[in-house]
Full PDB file with SEQRES, HELIX, SHEET, SSBOND, CRYST1, ORIGX, SCALE, CONECT and MASTER records, all heavy atoms in Angstrom:
SEQRES   1 A   41  HIS ALA MET SER VAL ALA PHE ARG LEU HIS ARG LYS GLY          
SEQRES   2 A   41  LEU PRO ILE VAL CYS ILE PRO LYS SER VAL GLU ASN ASP          
SEQRES   3 A   41  ILE ALA VAL THR SER LEU ALA PHE GLY TYR ASP SER ALA          
SEQRES   4 A   41  LEU GLY                                                      
HELIX    1 AA1 ALA A    2  ARG A   11  1                                  10    
HELIX    2 AA2 TYR A   36  LEU A   40  1                                   5    
CRYST1    1.000    1.000    1.000  90.00  90.00  90.00 P 1           1          
ORIGX1      1.000000  0.000000  0.000000        0.00000                         
ORIGX2      0.000000  1.000000  0.000000        0.00000                         
ORIGX3      0.000000  0.000000  1.000000        0.00000                         
SCALE1      1.000000  0.000000  0.000000        0.00000                         
SCALE2      0.000000  1.000000  0.000000        0.00000                         
SCALE3      0.000000  0.000000  1.000000        0.00000                         
ATOM      1  N   HIS A   1       7.837   4.482   2.221  1.00  0.00           N  
ATOM      2  CA  HIS A   1       7.852   5.482   3.282  1.00  0.00           C  
ATOM      3  C   HIS A   1       6.429   5.870   3.672  1.00  0.00           C  
ATOM      4  O   HIS A   1       6.144   6.071   4.853  1.00  0.00           O  
ATOM      5  CB  HIS A   1       8.632   6.710   2.825  1.00  0.00           C  
ATOM      6  CG  HIS A   1       8.921   7.670   3.929  1.00  0.00           C  
ATOM      7  ND1 HIS A   1       9.672   7.325   5.031  1.00  0.00           N  
ATOM      8  CD2 HIS A   1       8.540   8.956   4.127  1.00  0.00           C  
ATOM      9  CE1 HIS A   1       9.749   8.351   5.848  1.00  0.00           C  
ATOM     10  NE2 HIS A   1       9.069   9.359   5.324  1.00  0.00           N  
ATOM     11  N   ALA A   2       5.535   5.958   2.706  1.00  0.00           N  
ATOM     12  CA  ALA A   2       4.146   6.307   3.005  1.00  0.00           C  
ATOM     13  C   ALA A   2       3.510   5.265   3.919  1.00  0.00           C  
ATOM     14  O   ALA A   2       2.742   5.606   4.821  1.00  0.00           O  
ATOM     15  CB  ALA A   2       3.345   6.441   1.705  1.00  0.00           C  
ATOM     16  N   MET A   3       3.836   3.995   3.704  1.00  0.00           N  
ATOM     17  CA  MET A   3       3.276   2.954   4.559  1.00  0.00           C  
ATOM     18  C   MET A   3       3.830   3.057   5.975  1.00  0.00           C  
ATOM     19  O   MET A   3       3.103   2.868   6.961  1.00  0.00           O  
ATOM     20  CB  MET A   3       3.564   1.568   3.960  1.00  0.00           C  
ATOM     21  CG  MET A   3       2.722   0.468   4.565  1.00  0.00           C  
ATOM     22  SD  MET A   3       2.970  -1.142   3.762  1.00  0.00           S  
ATOM     23  CE  MET A   3       2.291  -0.803   2.131  1.00  0.00           C  
ATOM     24  N   SER A   4       5.107   3.367   6.095  1.00  0.00           N  
ATOM     25  CA  SER A   4       5.694   3.503   7.433  1.00  0.00           C  
ATOM     26  C   SER A   4       5.139   4.733   8.152  1.00  0.00           C  
ATOM     27  O   SER A   4       4.937   4.709   9.371  1.00  0.00           O  
ATOM     28  CB  SER A   4       7.218   3.580   7.343  1.00  0.00           C  
ATOM     29  OG  SER A   4       7.639   4.764   6.698  1.00  0.00           O  
ATOM     30  N   VAL A   5       4.871   5.807   7.398  1.00  0.00           N  
ATOM     31  CA  VAL A   5       4.249   6.991   7.991  1.00  0.00           C  
ATOM     32  C   VAL A   5       2.861   6.641   8.520  1.00  0.00           C  
ATOM     33  O   VAL A   5       2.487   7.029   9.630  1.00  0.00           O  
ATOM     34  CB  VAL A   5       4.168   8.141   6.967  1.00  0.00           C  
ATOM     35  CG1 VAL A   5       3.238   9.243   7.462  1.00  0.00           C  
ATOM     36  CG2 VAL A   5       5.554   8.715   6.700  1.00  0.00           C  
ATOM     37  N   ALA A   6       2.089   5.884   7.723  1.00  0.00           N  
ATOM     38  CA  ALA A   6       0.761   5.470   8.163  1.00  0.00           C  
ATOM     39  C   ALA A   6       0.843   4.636   9.440  1.00  0.00           C  
ATOM     40  O   ALA A   6       0.034   4.799  10.364  1.00  0.00           O  
ATOM     41  CB  ALA A   6       0.072   4.674   7.051  1.00  0.00           C  
ATOM     42  N   PHE A   7       1.827   3.746   9.513  1.00  0.00           N  
ATOM     43  CA  PHE A   7       2.008   2.901  10.689  1.00  0.00           C  
ATOM     44  C   PHE A   7       2.324   3.757  11.923  1.00  0.00           C  
ATOM     45  O   PHE A   7       1.764   3.533  13.002  1.00  0.00           O  
ATOM     46  CB  PHE A   7       3.135   1.903  10.430  1.00  0.00           C  
ATOM     47  CG  PHE A   7       3.428   0.991  11.588  1.00  0.00           C  
ATOM     48  CD1 PHE A   7       2.517   0.017  11.973  1.00  0.00           C  
ATOM     49  CD2 PHE A   7       4.616   1.109  12.290  1.00  0.00           C  
ATOM     50  CE1 PHE A   7       2.785  -0.827  13.041  1.00  0.00           C  
ATOM     51  CE2 PHE A   7       4.897   0.272  13.360  1.00  0.00           C  
ATOM     52  CZ  PHE A   7       3.972  -0.703  13.734  1.00  0.00           C  
ATOM     53  N   ARG A   8       3.192   4.736  11.764  1.00  0.00           N  
ATOM     54  CA  ARG A   8       3.572   5.588  12.891  1.00  0.00           C  
ATOM     55  C   ARG A   8       2.399   6.458  13.343  1.00  0.00           C  
ATOM     56  O   ARG A   8       2.207   6.687  14.544  1.00  0.00           O  
ATOM     57  CB  ARG A   8       4.767   6.458  12.508  1.00  0.00           C  
ATOM     58  CG  ARG A   8       6.038   5.660  12.257  1.00  0.00           C  
ATOM     59  CD  ARG A   8       7.141   6.546  11.710  1.00  0.00           C  
ATOM     60  NE  ARG A   8       7.604   7.506  12.708  1.00  0.00           N  
ATOM     61  CZ  ARG A   8       8.466   8.488  12.435  1.00  0.00           C  
ATOM     62  NH1 ARG A   8       8.916   8.637  11.197  1.00  0.00           N  
ATOM     63  NH2 ARG A   8       8.853   9.317  13.390  1.00  0.00           N  
ATOM     64  N   LEU A   9       1.602   6.943  12.393  1.00  0.00           N  
ATOM     65  CA  LEU A   9       0.426   7.733  12.765  1.00  0.00           C  
ATOM     66  C   LEU A   9      -0.591   6.872  13.504  1.00  0.00           C  
ATOM     67  O   LEU A   9      -1.249   7.335  14.453  1.00  0.00           O  
ATOM     68  CB  LEU A   9      -0.204   8.353  11.521  1.00  0.00           C  
ATOM     69  CG  LEU A   9       0.584   9.489  10.861  1.00  0.00           C  
ATOM     70  CD1 LEU A   9      -0.073   9.892   9.543  1.00  0.00           C  
ATOM     71  CD2 LEU A   9       0.684  10.703  11.797  1.00  0.00           C  
ATOM     72  N   HIS A  10      -0.740   5.623  13.064  1.00  0.00           N  
ATOM     73  CA  HIS A  10      -1.656   4.721  13.768  1.00  0.00           C  
ATOM     74  C   HIS A  10      -1.189   4.491  15.199  1.00  0.00           C  
ATOM     75  O   HIS A  10      -2.012   4.473  16.142  1.00  0.00           O  
ATOM     76  CB  HIS A  10      -1.765   3.396  13.024  1.00  0.00           C  
ATOM     77  CG  HIS A  10      -2.544   2.350  13.771  1.00  0.00           C  
ATOM     78  ND1 HIS A  10      -3.896   2.475  14.031  1.00  0.00           N  
ATOM     79  CD2 HIS A  10      -2.154   1.181  14.340  1.00  0.00           C  
ATOM     80  CE1 HIS A  10      -4.311   1.427  14.712  1.00  0.00           C  
ATOM     81  NE2 HIS A  10      -3.270   0.638  14.926  1.00  0.00           N  
ATOM     82  N   ARG A  11       0.102   4.334  15.391  1.00  0.00           N  
ATOM     83  CA  ARG A  11       0.633   4.112  16.740  1.00  0.00           C  
ATOM     84  C   ARG A  11       0.421   5.338  17.621  1.00  0.00           C  
ATOM     85  O   ARG A  11       0.406   5.221  18.858  1.00  0.00           O  
ATOM     86  CB  ARG A  11       2.124   3.760  16.669  1.00  0.00           C  
ATOM     87  CG  ARG A  11       2.388   2.416  16.000  1.00  0.00           C  
ATOM     88  CD  ARG A  11       3.845   2.026  16.091  1.00  0.00           C  
ATOM     89  NE  ARG A  11       4.251   1.784  17.467  1.00  0.00           N  
ATOM     90  CZ  ARG A  11       5.488   1.417  17.808  1.00  0.00           C  
ATOM     91  NH1 ARG A  11       6.417   1.267  16.889  1.00  0.00           N  
ATOM     92  NH2 ARG A  11       5.797   1.212  19.078  1.00  0.00           N  
ATOM     93  N   LYS A  12       0.240   6.501  17.005  1.00  0.00           N  
ATOM     94  CA  LYS A  12      -0.034   7.714  17.782  1.00  0.00           C  
ATOM     95  C   LYS A  12      -1.536   7.927  17.975  1.00  0.00           C  
ATOM     96  O   LYS A  12      -1.943   8.959  18.507  1.00  0.00           O  
ATOM     97  CB  LYS A  12       0.580   8.939  17.089  1.00  0.00           C  
ATOM     98  CG  LYS A  12       2.105   8.897  17.016  1.00  0.00           C  
ATOM     99  CD  LYS A  12       2.690  10.210  16.538  1.00  0.00           C  
ATOM    100  CE  LYS A  12       2.654  11.250  17.640  1.00  0.00           C  
ATOM    101  NZ  LYS A  12       3.475  12.452  17.320  1.00  0.00           N  
ATOM    102  N   GLY A  13      -2.344   6.957  17.507  1.00  0.00           N  
ATOM    103  CA  GLY A  13      -3.770   7.009  17.803  1.00  0.00           C  
ATOM    104  C   GLY A  13      -4.699   7.233  16.629  1.00  0.00           C  
ATOM    105  O   GLY A  13      -5.916   7.304  16.824  1.00  0.00           O  
ATOM    106  N   LEU A  14      -4.178   7.357  15.410  1.00  0.00           N  
ATOM    107  CA  LEU A  14      -5.038   7.605  14.253  1.00  0.00           C  
ATOM    108  C   LEU A  14      -5.556   6.280  13.685  1.00  0.00           C  
ATOM    109  O   LEU A  14      -4.767   5.454  13.237  1.00  0.00           O  
ATOM    110  CB  LEU A  14      -4.262   8.361  13.170  1.00  0.00           C  
ATOM    111  CG  LEU A  14      -5.052   8.681  11.894  1.00  0.00           C  
ATOM    112  CD1 LEU A  14      -6.187   9.658  12.205  1.00  0.00           C  
ATOM    113  CD2 LEU A  14      -4.133   9.243  10.815  1.00  0.00           C  
ATOM    114  N   PRO A  15      -6.876   6.053  13.662  1.00  0.00           N  
ATOM    115  CA  PRO A  15      -7.416   4.853  13.014  1.00  0.00           C  
ATOM    116  C   PRO A  15      -7.205   4.969  11.498  1.00  0.00           C  
ATOM    117  O   PRO A  15      -7.756   5.875  10.867  1.00  0.00           O  
ATOM    118  CB  PRO A  15      -8.901   4.877  13.378  1.00  0.00           C  
ATOM    119  CG  PRO A  15      -9.007   5.814  14.542  1.00  0.00           C  
ATOM    120  CD  PRO A  15      -7.932   6.834  14.325  1.00  0.00           C  
ATOM    121  N   ILE A  16      -6.420   4.089  10.916  1.00  0.00           N  
ATOM    122  CA  ILE A  16      -6.071   4.213   9.509  1.00  0.00           C  
ATOM    123  C   ILE A  16      -6.036   2.834   8.851  1.00  0.00           C  
ATOM    124  O   ILE A  16      -5.609   1.849   9.462  1.00  0.00           O  
ATOM    125  CB  ILE A  16      -4.703   4.927   9.344  1.00  0.00           C  
ATOM    126  CG1 ILE A  16      -4.425   5.270   7.884  1.00  0.00           C  
ATOM    127  CG2 ILE A  16      -3.573   4.121   9.951  1.00  0.00           C  
ATOM    128  CD1 ILE A  16      -3.259   6.239   7.709  1.00  0.00           C  
ATOM    129  N   VAL A  17      -6.548   2.774   7.633  1.00  0.00           N  
ATOM    130  CA  VAL A  17      -6.486   1.552   6.821  1.00  0.00           C  
ATOM    131  C   VAL A  17      -5.827   1.928   5.499  1.00  0.00           C  
ATOM    132  O   VAL A  17      -6.200   2.929   4.874  1.00  0.00           O  
ATOM    133  CB  VAL A  17      -7.887   0.956   6.577  1.00  0.00           C  
ATOM    134  CG1 VAL A  17      -7.810  -0.183   5.558  1.00  0.00           C  
ATOM    135  CG2 VAL A  17      -8.490   0.449   7.883  1.00  0.00           C  
ATOM    136  N   CYS A  18      -4.853   1.142   5.076  1.00  0.00           N  
ATOM    137  CA  CYS A  18      -4.110   1.427   3.854  1.00  0.00           C  
ATOM    138  C   CYS A  18      -4.582   0.556   2.698  1.00  0.00           C  
ATOM    139  O   CYS A  18      -4.971  -0.605   2.896  1.00  0.00           O  
ATOM    140  CB  CYS A  18      -2.615   1.214   4.070  1.00  0.00           C  
ATOM    141  SG  CYS A  18      -1.867   2.376   5.223  1.00  0.00           S  
ATOM    142  N   ILE A  19      -4.532   1.128   1.503  1.00  0.00           N  
ATOM    143  CA  ILE A  19      -4.855   0.400   0.273  1.00  0.00           C  
ATOM    144  C   ILE A  19      -3.595   0.372  -0.588  1.00  0.00           C  
ATOM    145  O   ILE A  19      -3.004   1.424  -0.839  1.00  0.00           O  
ATOM    146  CB  ILE A  19      -6.003   1.084  -0.481  1.00  0.00           C  
ATOM    147  CG1 ILE A  19      -7.302   1.001   0.337  1.00  0.00           C  
ATOM    148  CG2 ILE A  19      -6.214   0.456  -1.856  1.00  0.00           C  
ATOM    149  CD1 ILE A  19      -8.466   1.744  -0.281  1.00  0.00           C  
ATOM    150  N   PRO A  20      -3.160  -0.813  -1.029  1.00  0.00           N  
ATOM    151  CA  PRO A  20      -1.903  -0.900  -1.772  1.00  0.00           C  
ATOM    152  C   PRO A  20      -2.053  -0.539  -3.249  1.00  0.00           C  
ATOM    153  O   PRO A  20      -2.935  -1.035  -3.942  1.00  0.00           O  
ATOM    154  CB  PRO A  20      -1.523  -2.372  -1.618  1.00  0.00           C  
ATOM    155  CG  PRO A  20      -2.831  -3.079  -1.514  1.00  0.00           C  
ATOM    156  CD  PRO A  20      -3.761  -2.133  -0.791  1.00  0.00           C  
ATOM    157  N   LYS A  21      -1.180   0.345  -3.723  1.00  0.00           N  
ATOM    158  CA  LYS A  21      -1.095   0.648  -5.150  1.00  0.00           C  
ATOM    159  C   LYS A  21       0.345   0.436  -5.590  1.00  0.00           C  
ATOM    160  O   LYS A  21       1.289   0.790  -4.881  1.00  0.00           O  
ATOM    161  CB  LYS A  21      -1.530   2.081  -5.448  1.00  0.00           C  
ATOM    162  CG  LYS A  21      -0.603   3.178  -4.953  1.00  0.00           C  
ATOM    163  CD  LYS A  21      -1.100   4.544  -5.376  1.00  0.00           C  
ATOM    164  CE  LYS A  21      -0.210   5.680  -4.853  1.00  0.00           C  
ATOM    165  NZ  LYS A  21       1.109   5.714  -5.493  1.00  0.00           N  
ATOM    166  N   SER A  22       0.531  -0.167  -6.741  1.00  0.00           N  
ATOM    167  CA  SER A  22       1.888  -0.382  -7.219  1.00  0.00           C  
ATOM    168  C   SER A  22       1.869  -0.879  -8.653  1.00  0.00           C  
ATOM    169  O   SER A  22       1.262  -1.908  -8.946  1.00  0.00           O  
ATOM    170  CB  SER A  22       2.628  -1.397  -6.345  1.00  0.00           C  
ATOM    171  OG  SER A  22       3.894  -1.698  -6.887  1.00  0.00           O  
ATOM    172  N   VAL A  23       2.553  -0.154  -9.557  1.00  0.00           N  
ATOM    173  CA  VAL A  23       2.696  -0.665 -10.922  1.00  0.00           C  
ATOM    174  C   VAL A  23       3.807  -1.711 -10.976  1.00  0.00           C  
ATOM    175  O   VAL A  23       4.034  -2.325 -12.013  1.00  0.00           O  
ATOM    176  CB  VAL A  23       3.001   0.474 -11.919  1.00  0.00           C  
ATOM    177  CG1 VAL A  23       1.869   1.486 -11.947  1.00  0.00           C  
ATOM    178  CG2 VAL A  23       4.332   1.143 -11.626  1.00  0.00           C  
ATOM    179  N   GLU A  24       4.491  -1.927  -9.852  1.00  0.00           N  
ATOM    180  CA  GLU A  24       5.543  -2.939  -9.790  1.00  0.00           C  
ATOM    181  C   GLU A  24       5.053  -4.228  -9.130  1.00  0.00           C  
ATOM    182  O   GLU A  24       5.756  -5.231  -9.140  1.00  0.00           O  
ATOM    183  CB  GLU A  24       6.746  -2.374  -9.028  1.00  0.00           C  
ATOM    184  CG  GLU A  24       7.285  -1.092  -9.663  1.00  0.00           C  
ATOM    185  CD  GLU A  24       8.384  -0.443  -8.838  1.00  0.00           C  
ATOM    186  OE1 GLU A  24       8.935  -1.120  -7.947  1.00  0.00           O  
ATOM    187  OE2 GLU A  24       8.708   0.727  -9.080  1.00  0.00           O  
ATOM    188  N   ASN A  25       3.869  -4.184  -8.528  1.00  0.00           N  
ATOM    189  CA  ASN A  25       3.251  -5.339  -7.869  1.00  0.00           C  
ATOM    190  C   ASN A  25       4.172  -5.964  -6.830  1.00  0.00           C  
ATOM    191  O   ASN A  25       4.261  -7.188  -6.705  1.00  0.00           O  
ATOM    192  CB  ASN A  25       2.831  -6.398  -8.899  1.00  0.00           C  
ATOM    193  CG  ASN A  25       1.659  -7.235  -8.421  1.00  0.00           C  
ATOM    194  OD1 ASN A  25       0.830  -6.771  -7.654  1.00  0.00           O  
ATOM    195  ND2 ASN A  25       1.580  -8.471  -8.878  1.00  0.00           N  
ATOM    196  N   ASP A  26       4.834  -5.120  -6.055  1.00  0.00           N  
ATOM    197  CA  ASP A  26       5.876  -5.602  -5.144  1.00  0.00           C  
ATOM    198  C   ASP A  26       5.492  -5.516  -3.669  1.00  0.00           C  
ATOM    199  O   ASP A  26       6.351  -5.635  -2.806  1.00  0.00           O  
ATOM    200  CB  ASP A  26       7.158  -4.800  -5.378  1.00  0.00           C  
ATOM    201  CG  ASP A  26       6.934  -3.289  -5.238  1.00  0.00           C  
ATOM    202  OD1 ASP A  26       5.781  -2.883  -5.000  1.00  0.00           O  
ATOM    203  OD2 ASP A  26       7.908  -2.538  -5.379  1.00  0.00           O  
ATOM    204  N   ILE A  27       4.208  -5.305  -3.380  1.00  0.00           N  
ATOM    205  CA  ILE A  27       3.772  -5.228  -1.985  1.00  0.00           C  
ATOM    206  C   ILE A  27       3.547  -6.642  -1.463  1.00  0.00           C  
ATOM    207  O   ILE A  27       2.743  -7.407  -2.013  1.00  0.00           O  
ATOM    208  CB  ILE A  27       2.506  -4.372  -1.853  1.00  0.00           C  
ATOM    209  CG1 ILE A  27       2.803  -2.946  -2.345  1.00  0.00           C  
ATOM    210  CG2 ILE A  27       2.013  -4.344  -0.412  1.00  0.00           C  
ATOM    211  CD1 ILE A  27       1.610  -2.032  -2.347  1.00  0.00           C  
ATOM    212  N   ALA A  28       4.254  -6.985  -0.402  1.00  0.00           N  
ATOM    213  CA  ALA A  28       4.369  -8.383   0.015  1.00  0.00           C  
ATOM    214  C   ALA A  28       3.052  -9.031   0.388  1.00  0.00           C  
ATOM    215  O   ALA A  28       2.866 -10.226   0.173  1.00  0.00           O  
ATOM    216  CB  ALA A  28       5.357  -8.480   1.185  1.00  0.00           C  
ATOM    217  N   VAL A  29       2.115  -8.288   0.962  1.00  0.00           N  
ATOM    218  CA  VAL A  29       0.933  -8.919   1.540  1.00  0.00           C  
ATOM    219  C   VAL A  29      -0.190  -9.141   0.540  1.00  0.00           C  
ATOM    220  O   VAL A  29      -1.201  -9.753   0.879  1.00  0.00           O  
ATOM    221  CB  VAL A  29       0.405  -8.089   2.727  1.00  0.00           C  
ATOM    222  CG1 VAL A  29       1.431  -8.040   3.841  1.00  0.00           C  
ATOM    223  CG2 VAL A  29       0.020  -6.695   2.275  1.00  0.00           C  
ATOM    224  N   THR A  30      -0.053  -8.668  -0.683  1.00  0.00           N  
ATOM    225  CA  THR A  30      -1.136  -8.810  -1.655  1.00  0.00           C  
ATOM    226  C   THR A  30      -0.621  -9.385  -2.956  1.00  0.00           C  
ATOM    227  O   THR A  30       0.487  -9.069  -3.393  1.00  0.00           O  
ATOM    228  CB  THR A  30      -1.834  -7.452  -1.908  1.00  0.00           C  
ATOM    229  OG1 THR A  30      -2.960  -7.650  -2.753  1.00  0.00           O  
ATOM    230  CG2 THR A  30      -0.892  -6.451  -2.540  1.00  0.00           C  
ATOM    231  N   SER A  31      -1.410 -10.256  -3.571  1.00  0.00           N  
ATOM    232  CA  SER A  31      -1.010 -10.837  -4.846  1.00  0.00           C  
ATOM    233  C   SER A  31      -1.160  -9.868  -5.997  1.00  0.00           C  
ATOM    234  O   SER A  31      -0.499 -10.013  -7.031  1.00  0.00           O  
ATOM    235  CB  SER A  31      -1.853 -12.097  -5.139  1.00  0.00           C  
ATOM    236  OG  SER A  31      -1.576 -13.115  -4.210  1.00  0.00           O  
ATOM    237  N   LEU A  32      -2.042  -8.878  -5.839  1.00  0.00           N  
ATOM    238  CA  LEU A  32      -2.278  -7.942  -6.932  1.00  0.00           C  
ATOM    239  C   LEU A  32      -2.650  -6.575  -6.373  1.00  0.00           C  
ATOM    240  O   LEU A  32      -3.731  -6.389  -5.834  1.00  0.00           O  
ATOM    241  CB  LEU A  32      -3.394  -8.460  -7.854  1.00  0.00           C  
ATOM    242  CG  LEU A  32      -3.648  -7.662  -9.130  1.00  0.00           C  
ATOM    243  CD1 LEU A  32      -2.400  -7.640 -10.004  1.00  0.00           C  
ATOM    244  CD2 LEU A  32      -4.818  -8.237  -9.908  1.00  0.00           C  
ATOM    245  N   ALA A  33      -1.734  -5.634  -6.515  1.00  0.00           N  
ATOM    246  CA  ALA A  33      -2.025  -4.244  -6.166  1.00  0.00           C  
ATOM    247  C   ALA A  33      -2.749  -3.605  -7.337  1.00  0.00           C  
ATOM    248  O   ALA A  33      -2.477  -3.927  -8.499  1.00  0.00           O  
ATOM    249  CB  ALA A  33      -0.731  -3.495  -5.864  1.00  0.00           C  
ATOM    250  N   PHE A  34      -3.663  -2.675  -7.045  1.00  0.00           N  
ATOM    251  CA  PHE A  34      -4.350  -2.045  -8.162  1.00  0.00           C  
ATOM    252  C   PHE A  34      -3.352  -1.152  -8.902  1.00  0.00           C  
ATOM    253  O   PHE A  34      -2.423  -0.592  -8.321  1.00  0.00           O  
ATOM    254  CB  PHE A  34      -5.586  -1.269  -7.691  1.00  0.00           C  
ATOM    255  CG  PHE A  34      -5.317   0.120  -7.203  1.00  0.00           C  
ATOM    256  CD1 PHE A  34      -5.291   1.199  -8.082  1.00  0.00           C  
ATOM    257  CD2 PHE A  34      -5.105   0.361  -5.861  1.00  0.00           C  
ATOM    258  CE1 PHE A  34      -5.054   2.490  -7.628  1.00  0.00           C  
ATOM    259  CE2 PHE A  34      -4.873   1.641  -5.389  1.00  0.00           C  
ATOM    260  CZ  PHE A  34      -4.835   2.705  -6.281  1.00  0.00           C  
ATOM    261  N   GLY A  35      -3.537  -1.030 -10.195  1.00  0.00           N  
ATOM    262  CA  GLY A  35      -2.618  -0.279 -11.043  1.00  0.00           C  
ATOM    263  C   GLY A  35      -1.676  -1.168 -11.833  1.00  0.00           C  
ATOM    264  O   GLY A  35      -1.207  -0.788 -12.906  1.00  0.00           O  
ATOM    265  N   TYR A  36      -1.396  -2.371 -11.308  1.00  0.00           N  
ATOM    266  CA  TYR A  36      -0.424  -3.234 -11.982  1.00  0.00           C  
ATOM    267  C   TYR A  36      -0.954  -3.773 -13.303  1.00  0.00           C  
ATOM    268  O   TYR A  36      -0.230  -3.804 -14.314  1.00  0.00           O  
ATOM    269  CB  TYR A  36      -0.020  -4.388 -11.075  1.00  0.00           C  
ATOM    270  CG  TYR A  36       0.945  -5.345 -11.760  1.00  0.00           C  
ATOM    271  CD1 TYR A  36       2.245  -4.954 -12.033  1.00  0.00           C  
ATOM    272  CD2 TYR A  36       0.539  -6.624 -12.155  1.00  0.00           C  
ATOM    273  CE1 TYR A  36       3.125  -5.813 -12.673  1.00  0.00           C  
ATOM    274  CE2 TYR A  36       1.416  -7.475 -12.794  1.00  0.00           C  
ATOM    275  CZ  TYR A  36       2.702  -7.069 -13.046  1.00  0.00           C  
ATOM    276  OH  TYR A  36       3.571  -7.920 -13.692  1.00  0.00           O  
ATOM    277  N   ASP A  37      -2.188  -4.219 -13.336  1.00  0.00           N  
ATOM    278  CA  ASP A  37      -2.728  -4.798 -14.562  1.00  0.00           C  
ATOM    279  C   ASP A  37      -2.718  -3.784 -15.705  1.00  0.00           C  
ATOM    280  O   ASP A  37      -2.377  -4.117 -16.843  1.00  0.00           O  
ATOM    281  CB  ASP A  37      -4.150  -5.304 -14.322  1.00  0.00           C  
ATOM    282  CG  ASP A  37      -4.732  -6.008 -15.534  1.00  0.00           C  
ATOM    283  OD1 ASP A  37      -4.249  -7.106 -15.873  1.00  0.00           O  
ATOM    284  OD2 ASP A  37      -5.666  -5.441 -16.147  1.00  0.00           O  
ATOM    285  N   SER A  38      -3.063  -2.550 -15.407  1.00  0.00           N  
ATOM    286  CA  SER A  38      -3.035  -1.507 -16.428  1.00  0.00           C  
ATOM    287  C   SER A  38      -1.613  -1.255 -16.908  1.00  0.00           C  
ATOM    288  O   SER A  38      -1.350  -1.149 -18.113  1.00  0.00           O  
ATOM    289  CB  SER A  38      -3.623  -0.209 -15.874  1.00  0.00           C  
ATOM    290  OG  SER A  38      -4.954  -0.386 -15.451  1.00  0.00           O  
ATOM    291  N   ALA A  39      -0.673  -1.154 -15.962  1.00  0.00           N  
ATOM    292  CA  ALA A  39       0.722  -0.906 -16.322  1.00  0.00           C  
ATOM    293  C   ALA A  39       1.281  -2.044 -17.179  1.00  0.00           C  
ATOM    294  O   ALA A  39       2.029  -1.802 -18.128  1.00  0.00           O  
ATOM    295  CB  ALA A  39       1.565  -0.734 -15.066  1.00  0.00           C  
ATOM    296  N   LEU A  40       0.888  -3.271 -16.851  1.00  0.00           N  
ATOM    297  CA  LEU A  40       1.345  -4.420 -17.631  1.00  0.00           C  
ATOM    298  C   LEU A  40       0.829  -4.339 -19.065  1.00  0.00           C  
ATOM    299  O   LEU A  40       1.571  -4.604 -20.027  1.00  0.00           O  
ATOM    300  CB  LEU A  40       0.879  -5.717 -16.964  1.00  0.00           C  
ATOM    301  CG  LEU A  40       1.245  -7.026 -17.671  1.00  0.00           C  
ATOM    302  CD1 LEU A  40       2.756  -7.158 -17.822  1.00  0.00           C  
ATOM    303  CD2 LEU A  40       0.684  -8.221 -16.894  1.00  0.00           C  
ATOM    304  N   GLY A  41      -0.425  -3.954 -19.228  1.00  0.00           N  
ATOM    305  CA  GLY A  41      -0.975  -3.807 -20.570  1.00  0.00           C  
ATOM    306  C   GLY A  41      -0.298  -2.700 -21.352  1.00  0.00           C  
ATOM    307  O   GLY A  41       0.054  -2.869 -22.528  1.00  0.00           O  
TER     308      GLY A  41                                                      
MASTER        0    0    0    2    0    0    0    6  307    1    0    4          
END                                                                             
């Protein structure tokens, strides 16, 4: 939901860049989200 909110705010004119975080490593566009390696350990 946070990513979709960022997308909608960008469409309303806010310049925004997102950084993926996930202990599940499930974000489609990146092979490794930060936080996953620590969670795995």
